[in-house]
Amino acid sequence: MPPFPDPADASGSRSNDPRFPDPNFKWRLKENQKKLRRDADQLLELAKALKEDADKTEEVNVLSLSLVRKAEAIEKLAKQIKGLARTA
């Protein structure tokens, strides 16, 4: 009969064993939530700035490069927020 496995693996870590929850889980969850709130606030500010610029832009067939760049920044930040929300 094989001996019982040591709860700590060869490196002394229990991170792969589901019986031992990650001791930093709650701390990491709180940090993710803080970052998510901070990023959401930043996303709101970027969206407001984009709206203001769009309202100031005359009706033309081409959008200004600054509008396009702001929209890209908003998209990038939204993807970061989505990733944080999935890990929370």
N, C-alpha and C. Protein backbone atom coordinates (compact mmCIF):
# COMPACT_ATOMS: atom_id res chain seq x y z
N MET A 1 0.84 -1.17 0.00
CA MET A 1 0.00 0.00 0.00
C MET A 1 0.89 1.24 0.00
N PRO A 2 0.64 2.20 -0.93
CA PRO A 2 1.51 3.39 -1.00
C PRO A 2 1.28 4.30 0.21
N PRO A 3 2.33 5.00 0.64
CA PRO A 3 2.18 5.90 1.78
C PRO A 3 1.31 7.10 1.40
N PHE A 4 0.72 7.71 2.43
CA PHE A 4 -0.08 8.90 2.18
C PHE A 4 0.81 10.02 1.68
N PRO A 5 0.32 10.78 0.69
CA PRO A 5 1.16 11.89 0.19
C PRO A 5 1.27 12.99 1.23
N ASP A 6 2.41 13.59 1.23
CA ASP A 6 2.65 14.72 2.13
C ASP A 6 1.78 15.89 1.67
N PRO A 7 1.02 16.57 2.58
CA PRO A 7 0.18 17.68 2.16
C PRO A 7 0.97 18.79 1.47
N ALA A 8 2.21 18.94 1.86
CA ALA A 8 3.06 19.94 1.20
C ALA A 8 3.86 19.22 0.12
N ASP A 9 3.87 19.77 -1.08
CA ASP A 9 4.63 19.13 -2.14
C ASP A 9 6.12 19.36 -1.94
N ALA A 10 6.91 18.98 -2.90
CA ALA A 10 8.36 19.06 -2.77
C ALA A 10 8.85 20.48 -2.53
N SER A 11 8.14 21.48 -3.03
CA SER A 11 8.58 22.86 -2.85
C SER A 11 8.05 23.45 -1.55
N GLY A 12 7.25 22.68 -0.80
CA GLY A 12 6.72 23.19 0.46
C GLY A 12 5.44 24.00 0.26
N SER A 13 4.90 24.00 -0.94
CA SER A 13 3.70 24.78 -1.26
C SER A 13 2.48 23.89 -1.27
N ARG A 14 1.36 24.44 -0.84
CA ARG A 14 0.10 23.71 -0.88
C ARG A 14 -0.84 24.34 -1.91
N SER A 15 -0.32 25.16 -2.80
CA SER A 15 -1.16 25.92 -3.72
C SER A 15 -1.94 25.04 -4.69
N ASN A 16 -1.47 23.84 -4.99
CA ASN A 16 -2.16 22.98 -5.95
C ASN A 16 -3.16 22.06 -5.28
N ASP A 17 -3.21 22.05 -3.97
CA ASP A 17 -4.09 21.15 -3.24
C ASP A 17 -5.40 21.87 -2.94
N PRO A 18 -6.53 21.39 -3.47
CA PRO A 18 -7.81 22.07 -3.26
C PRO A 18 -8.27 22.05 -1.81
N ARG A 19 -7.67 21.19 -0.98
CA ARG A 19 -8.06 21.16 0.43
C ARG A 19 -7.55 22.36 1.20
N PHE A 20 -6.56 23.04 0.65
CA PHE A 20 -5.96 24.18 1.32
C PHE A 20 -6.20 25.44 0.49
N PRO A 21 -7.19 26.26 0.89
CA PRO A 21 -7.46 27.47 0.11
C PRO A 21 -6.29 28.44 0.15
N ASP A 22 -6.21 29.25 -0.88
CA ASP A 22 -5.15 30.25 -0.98
C ASP A 22 -5.31 31.26 0.15
N PRO A 23 -4.29 31.42 0.99
CA PRO A 23 -4.41 32.35 2.12
C PRO A 23 -4.50 33.81 1.67
N ASN A 24 -4.06 34.12 0.46
CA ASN A 24 -4.10 35.49 -0.04
C ASN A 24 -5.34 35.78 -0.88
N PHE A 25 -6.27 34.84 -0.94
CA PHE A 25 -7.43 34.98 -1.81
C PHE A 25 -8.25 36.23 -1.48
N LYS A 26 -8.58 36.41 -0.23
CA LYS A 26 -9.41 37.56 0.16
C LYS A 26 -8.67 38.87 -0.11
N TRP A 27 -7.39 38.89 0.17
CA TRP A 27 -6.60 40.10 -0.07
C TRP A 27 -6.57 40.42 -1.57
N ARG A 28 -6.33 39.41 -2.40
CA ARG A 28 -6.28 39.63 -3.85
C ARG A 28 -7.65 40.05 -4.38
N LEU A 29 -8.72 39.49 -3.82
CA LEU A 29 -10.06 39.86 -4.23
C LEU A 29 -10.34 41.33 -3.91
N LYS A 30 -9.93 41.78 -2.72
CA LYS A 30 -10.11 43.18 -2.35
C LYS A 30 -9.31 44.10 -3.26
N GLU A 31 -8.09 43.73 -3.57
CA GLU A 31 -7.25 44.54 -4.45
C GLU A 31 -7.85 44.61 -5.86
N ASN A 32 -8.38 43.50 -6.35
CA ASN A 32 -9.03 43.50 -7.66
C ASN A 32 -10.25 44.41 -7.67
N GLN A 33 -11.02 44.39 -6.58
CA GLN A 33 -12.20 45.24 -6.50
C GLN A 33 -11.82 46.71 -6.45
N LYS A 34 -10.75 47.04 -5.74
CA LYS A 34 -10.27 48.43 -5.71
C LYS A 34 -9.86 48.88 -7.11
N LYS A 35 -9.10 48.03 -7.79
CA LYS A 35 -8.65 48.37 -9.14
C LYS A 35 -9.84 48.48 -10.09
N LEU A 36 -10.82 47.61 -9.94
CA LEU A 36 -12.00 47.65 -10.79
C LEU A 36 -12.74 48.97 -10.60
N ARG A 37 -12.91 49.41 -9.37
CA ARG A 37 -13.58 50.69 -9.10
C ARG A 37 -12.79 51.86 -9.68
N ARG A 38 -11.48 51.83 -9.47
CA ARG A 38 -10.62 52.91 -9.98
C ARG A 38 -10.67 52.96 -11.51
N ASP A 39 -10.62 51.80 -12.15
CA ASP A 39 -10.68 51.75 -13.61
C ASP A 39 -12.05 52.18 -14.12
N ALA A 40 -13.11 51.83 -13.40
CA ALA A 40 -14.46 52.24 -13.80
C ALA A 40 -14.59 53.76 -13.72
N ASP A 41 -14.03 54.37 -12.69
CA ASP A 41 -14.04 55.83 -12.59
C ASP A 41 -13.29 56.47 -13.75
N GLN A 42 -12.14 55.88 -14.08
CA GLN A 42 -11.35 56.40 -15.19
C GLN A 42 -12.10 56.23 -16.51
N LEU A 43 -12.79 55.10 -16.66
CA LEU A 43 -13.57 54.86 -17.87
C LEU A 43 -14.68 55.91 -18.01
N LEU A 44 -15.31 56.26 -16.91
CA LEU A 44 -16.35 57.28 -16.94
C LEU A 44 -15.79 58.62 -17.37
N GLU A 45 -14.64 58.99 -16.84
CA GLU A 45 -14.01 60.26 -17.21
C GLU A 45 -13.63 60.29 -18.69
N LEU A 46 -13.09 59.18 -19.19
CA LEU A 46 -12.74 59.11 -20.60
C LEU A 46 -13.98 59.21 -21.49
N ALA A 47 -15.04 58.55 -21.07
CA ALA A 47 -16.27 58.60 -21.85
C ALA A 47 -16.85 60.01 -21.87
N LYS A 48 -16.78 60.70 -20.74
CA LYS A 48 -17.26 62.09 -20.68
C LYS A 48 -16.44 62.98 -21.61
N ALA A 49 -15.12 62.80 -21.60
CA ALA A 49 -14.24 63.59 -22.46
C ALA A 49 -14.54 63.31 -23.93
N LEU A 50 -14.76 62.05 -24.25
CA LEU A 50 -15.10 61.69 -25.63
C LEU A 50 -16.41 62.34 -26.05
N LYS A 51 -17.39 62.31 -25.17
CA LYS A 51 -18.69 62.92 -25.48
C LYS A 51 -18.55 64.43 -25.70
N GLU A 52 -17.78 65.08 -24.84
CA GLU A 52 -17.57 66.53 -24.99
C GLU A 52 -16.90 66.84 -26.33
N ASP A 53 -15.87 66.08 -26.67
CA ASP A 53 -15.18 66.30 -27.95
C ASP A 53 -16.10 66.02 -29.13
N ALA A 54 -16.91 64.98 -29.01
CA ALA A 54 -17.83 64.64 -30.10
C ALA A 54 -18.88 65.73 -30.27
N ASP A 55 -19.33 66.32 -29.17
CA ASP A 55 -20.31 67.39 -29.24
C ASP A 55 -19.73 68.65 -29.87
N LYS A 56 -18.44 68.87 -29.67
CA LYS A 56 -17.78 70.05 -30.22
C LYS A 56 -17.42 69.89 -31.69
N THR A 57 -17.33 68.65 -32.14
CA THR A 57 -16.93 68.38 -33.51
C THR A 57 -18.07 68.75 -34.46
N GLU A 58 -17.72 69.45 -35.50
CA GLU A 58 -18.70 69.80 -36.52
C GLU A 58 -19.08 68.54 -37.30
N GLU A 59 -20.23 68.61 -37.92
CA GLU A 59 -20.64 67.47 -38.74
C GLU A 59 -19.78 67.41 -39.99
N VAL A 60 -18.95 66.41 -40.03
CA VAL A 60 -18.08 66.17 -41.19
C VAL A 60 -18.10 64.67 -41.49
N ASN A 61 -17.52 64.32 -42.57
CA ASN A 61 -17.50 62.92 -42.97
C ASN A 61 -16.41 62.11 -42.26
N VAL A 62 -15.46 62.80 -41.62
CA VAL A 62 -14.32 62.13 -41.01
C VAL A 62 -14.22 62.55 -39.54
N LEU A 63 -14.01 61.58 -38.64
CA LEU A 63 -13.81 61.88 -37.23
C LEU A 63 -12.37 62.31 -37.00
N SER A 64 -12.17 63.14 -36.00
CA SER A 64 -10.81 63.58 -35.71
C SER A 64 -10.00 62.42 -35.12
N LEU A 65 -8.70 62.51 -35.28
CA LEU A 65 -7.81 61.48 -34.77
C LEU A 65 -7.88 61.39 -33.25
N SER A 66 -8.08 62.52 -32.58
CA SER A 66 -8.16 62.49 -31.11
C SER A 66 -9.40 61.72 -30.66
N LEU A 67 -10.50 61.83 -31.38
CA LEU A 67 -11.70 61.06 -31.03
C LEU A 67 -11.45 59.56 -31.17
N VAL A 68 -10.77 59.20 -32.25
CA VAL A 68 -10.47 57.79 -32.48
C VAL A 68 -9.56 57.25 -31.38
N ARG A 69 -8.55 58.04 -31.00
CA ARG A 69 -7.62 57.59 -29.96
C ARG A 69 -8.31 57.47 -28.61
N LYS A 70 -9.20 58.41 -28.30
CA LYS A 70 -9.95 58.32 -27.04
C LYS A 70 -10.85 57.09 -27.03
N ALA A 71 -11.47 56.82 -28.15
CA ALA A 71 -12.32 55.63 -28.25
C ALA A 71 -11.51 54.35 -28.07
N GLU A 72 -10.30 54.32 -28.62
CA GLU A 72 -9.42 53.16 -28.46
C GLU A 72 -8.99 53.00 -27.00
N ALA A 73 -8.70 54.13 -26.33
CA ALA A 73 -8.32 54.07 -24.91
C ALA A 73 -9.49 53.54 -24.07
N ILE A 74 -10.69 53.96 -24.41
CA ILE A 74 -11.88 53.48 -23.70
C ILE A 74 -12.05 51.99 -23.91
N GLU A 75 -11.86 51.54 -25.14
CA GLU A 75 -11.99 50.11 -25.44
C GLU A 75 -10.96 49.28 -24.66
N LYS A 76 -9.73 49.77 -24.61
CA LYS A 76 -8.67 49.05 -23.90
C LYS A 76 -8.98 48.96 -22.41
N LEU A 77 -9.42 50.07 -21.83
CA LEU A 77 -9.76 50.09 -20.41
C LEU A 77 -10.96 49.20 -20.13
N ALA A 78 -11.93 49.20 -21.01
CA ALA A 78 -13.11 48.34 -20.83
C ALA A 78 -12.71 46.86 -20.83
N LYS A 79 -11.77 46.50 -21.67
CA LYS A 79 -11.29 45.11 -21.69
C LYS A 79 -10.58 44.75 -20.39
N GLN A 80 -9.81 45.70 -19.84
CA GLN A 80 -9.14 45.46 -18.56
C GLN A 80 -10.17 45.25 -17.46
N ILE A 81 -11.20 46.06 -17.45
CA ILE A 81 -12.25 45.95 -16.44
C ILE A 81 -12.95 44.59 -16.59
N LYS A 82 -13.20 44.19 -17.80
CA LYS A 82 -13.84 42.90 -18.05
C LYS A 82 -12.99 41.77 -17.50
N GLY A 83 -11.69 41.85 -17.72
CA GLY A 83 -10.79 40.81 -17.19
C GLY A 83 -10.78 40.79 -15.68
N LEU A 84 -10.77 41.96 -15.05
CA LEU A 84 -10.81 42.03 -13.59
C LEU A 84 -12.12 41.45 -13.05
N ALA A 85 -13.21 41.77 -13.72
CA ALA A 85 -14.51 41.29 -13.27
C ALA A 85 -14.60 39.77 -13.37
N ARG A 86 -13.95 39.21 -14.35
CA ARG A 86 -13.98 37.75 -14.50
C ARG A 86 -13.18 37.05 -13.41
N THR A 87 -12.10 37.67 -12.95
CA THR A 87 -11.27 37.05 -11.93
C THR A 87 -11.81 37.26 -10.53
N ALA A 88 -12.73 38.22 -10.38
CA ALA A 88 -13.29 38.52 -9.06
C ALA A 88 -14.29 37.48 -8.63
